[in-house]
Structures are given as C-alpha cells and as structure tokens.
Amino acid sequence: MIKKQIFIEGKNIRNLESFFVETDRVLTKDLDWETGHNLNAFNDLLYGGFGVHEYEESIELIWKDFNESRSCLTQDLLSSILDLIRSHQHIELRVID
C-alpha cells in the first residue's frame, strides 16, 4: 500500500510562527476554525483527522529544503519538533536538503 505523501515546504519557514502556518496549510483542509499555534496543537495535527489524512493513517511526511528551516529555528525547537513527529508511529519522516 502506498502511503499518502504530505510535503512541508522548508522555504516557507522563517520562524516558529511561519512553521505553524506552513504545517496548518499542509495538514488541515477546509476547517472553519484556526488551530492553536503551539507544539501541543501541532502534535494533535500529526494524529490526523483534520481533512488531509485520517486519524492515525499511515503517511509519509516529506520536509523539503530542510536545511533552510534548520537555519531559521533554534536547535532545541527543531529537536522538539522532530521528536514530536517521530513519536507518531504512523508517520514516516523524510527530510530533503
């Protein structure tokens, strides 16, 4: 079975707020409310069920231009984000420089 691929555009990430805007863009669809822009809300989005992938559906999350994002986020913050993603067994993370 082919996993659904979801692409994070690293070029759109300049700081933490733009990270949340980008992940909202790619992980949600047709919501009539805004998500919280914090790591807890991001963790909830990773579970799915917000219009892009079903709850705990196996997906491949592809982070393009990862090095550009890395240069815009602190190491601690980036580590926390990556740890959150990796804690979801239904998500396969692939980073592309």
Protein backbone atom coordinates (compact mmCIF):
# COMPACT_ATOMS: atom_id res chain seq x y z
CA MET A 1 0.00 0.00 0.00
CA ILE A 2 1.35 3.40 -0.98
CA LYS A 3 1.43 5.95 1.83
CA LYS A 4 -0.06 9.37 1.31
CA GLN A 5 2.73 11.91 0.91
CA ILE A 6 2.47 15.30 2.59
CA PHE A 7 5.09 17.95 1.81
CA ILE A 8 6.31 20.64 4.18
CA GLU A 9 7.94 23.45 2.18
CA GLY A 10 11.00 24.46 4.18
CA LYS A 11 11.35 27.66 2.15
CA ASN A 12 8.11 28.86 3.77
CA ILE A 13 9.56 28.57 7.28
CA ARG A 14 11.35 31.62 8.65
CA ASN A 15 10.48 31.33 12.36
CA LEU A 16 8.23 29.36 14.68
CA GLU A 17 5.04 31.16 13.65
CA SER A 18 5.66 30.53 9.94
CA PHE A 19 6.32 26.86 10.80
CA PHE A 20 2.84 26.65 12.32
CA VAL A 21 1.31 28.45 9.32
CA GLU A 22 3.03 26.01 6.95
CA THR A 23 2.01 22.91 8.90
CA ASP A 24 -1.57 24.19 9.12
CA ARG A 25 -1.51 24.65 5.35
CA VAL A 26 -0.38 21.10 4.64
CA LEU A 27 -2.03 19.15 7.49
CA THR A 28 -5.50 20.72 7.55
CA LYS A 29 -8.19 21.28 4.98
CA ASP A 30 -11.49 23.16 5.00
CA LEU A 31 -11.50 23.88 8.74
CA ASP A 32 -13.87 26.61 9.85
CA TRP A 33 -11.67 27.37 12.85
CA GLU A 34 -7.99 28.11 13.41
CA THR A 35 -5.62 25.72 15.10
CA GLY A 36 -3.53 26.78 18.05
CA HIS A 37 -0.04 27.77 17.04
CA ASN A 38 1.86 25.78 19.63
CA LEU A 39 3.56 22.39 19.86
CA ASN A 40 0.57 20.74 21.55
CA ALA A 41 -1.70 21.75 18.67
CA PHE A 42 0.93 20.60 16.16
CA ASN A 43 1.06 17.24 17.92
CA ASP A 44 -2.73 16.97 17.56
CA LEU A 45 -2.47 17.73 13.83
CA LEU A 46 0.02 14.89 13.43
CA TYR A 47 -2.59 12.40 14.63
CA GLY A 48 -4.77 13.32 11.65
CA GLY A 49 -8.50 13.74 11.23
CA PHE A 50 -8.30 17.38 10.12
CA GLY A 51 -9.16 16.88 6.46
CA VAL A 52 -5.82 15.84 4.94
CA HIS A 53 -5.30 12.39 6.43
CA GLU A 54 -7.48 10.24 8.63
CA TYR A 55 -6.78 9.70 12.32
CA GLU A 56 -3.50 7.72 12.60
CA GLU A 57 -3.48 6.98 8.86
CA SER A 58 -0.01 5.97 7.70
CA ILE A 59 1.60 8.89 5.90
CA GLU A 60 4.99 9.96 4.64
CA LEU A 61 5.80 13.48 5.79
CA ILE A 62 8.41 14.96 3.48
CA TRP A 63 10.17 18.11 4.70
CA LYS A 64 11.68 19.80 1.65
CA ASP A 65 14.51 22.34 1.95
CA PHE A 66 15.08 21.16 5.50
CA ASN A 67 18.39 23.00 5.84
CA GLU A 68 16.65 26.33 5.25
CA SER A 69 14.26 25.54 8.10
CA ARG A 70 17.12 24.41 10.30
CA SER A 71 18.83 27.78 9.92
CA CYS A 72 15.64 29.62 10.97
CA LEU A 73 14.67 27.56 14.04
CA THR A 74 16.71 27.09 17.20
CA GLN A 75 18.30 23.70 17.69
CA ASP A 76 16.18 22.98 20.79
CA LEU A 77 12.98 23.90 18.99
CA LEU A 78 13.86 21.87 15.93
CA SER A 79 14.73 18.88 18.13
CA SER A 80 11.37 19.16 19.88
CA ILE A 81 9.53 19.30 16.54
CA LEU A 82 11.40 16.29 15.16
CA ASP A 83 10.87 14.33 18.38
CA LEU A 84 7.13 15.01 18.18
CA ILE A 85 6.95 13.82 14.59
CA ARG A 86 8.99 10.71 15.34
CA SER A 87 6.76 9.84 18.31
CA HIS A 88 3.92 9.11 15.85
CA GLN A 89 4.42 5.57 14.60
CA HIS A 90 2.05 6.12 11.68
CA ILE A 91 4.30 8.86 10.27
CA GLU A 92 7.41 8.22 8.22
CA LEU A 93 9.53 11.39 8.17
CA ARG A 94 11.84 12.13 5.27
CA VAL A 95 13.91 15.31 5.12
CA ILE A 96 15.31 16.65 1.87
CA ASP A 97 18.06 19.25 1.78
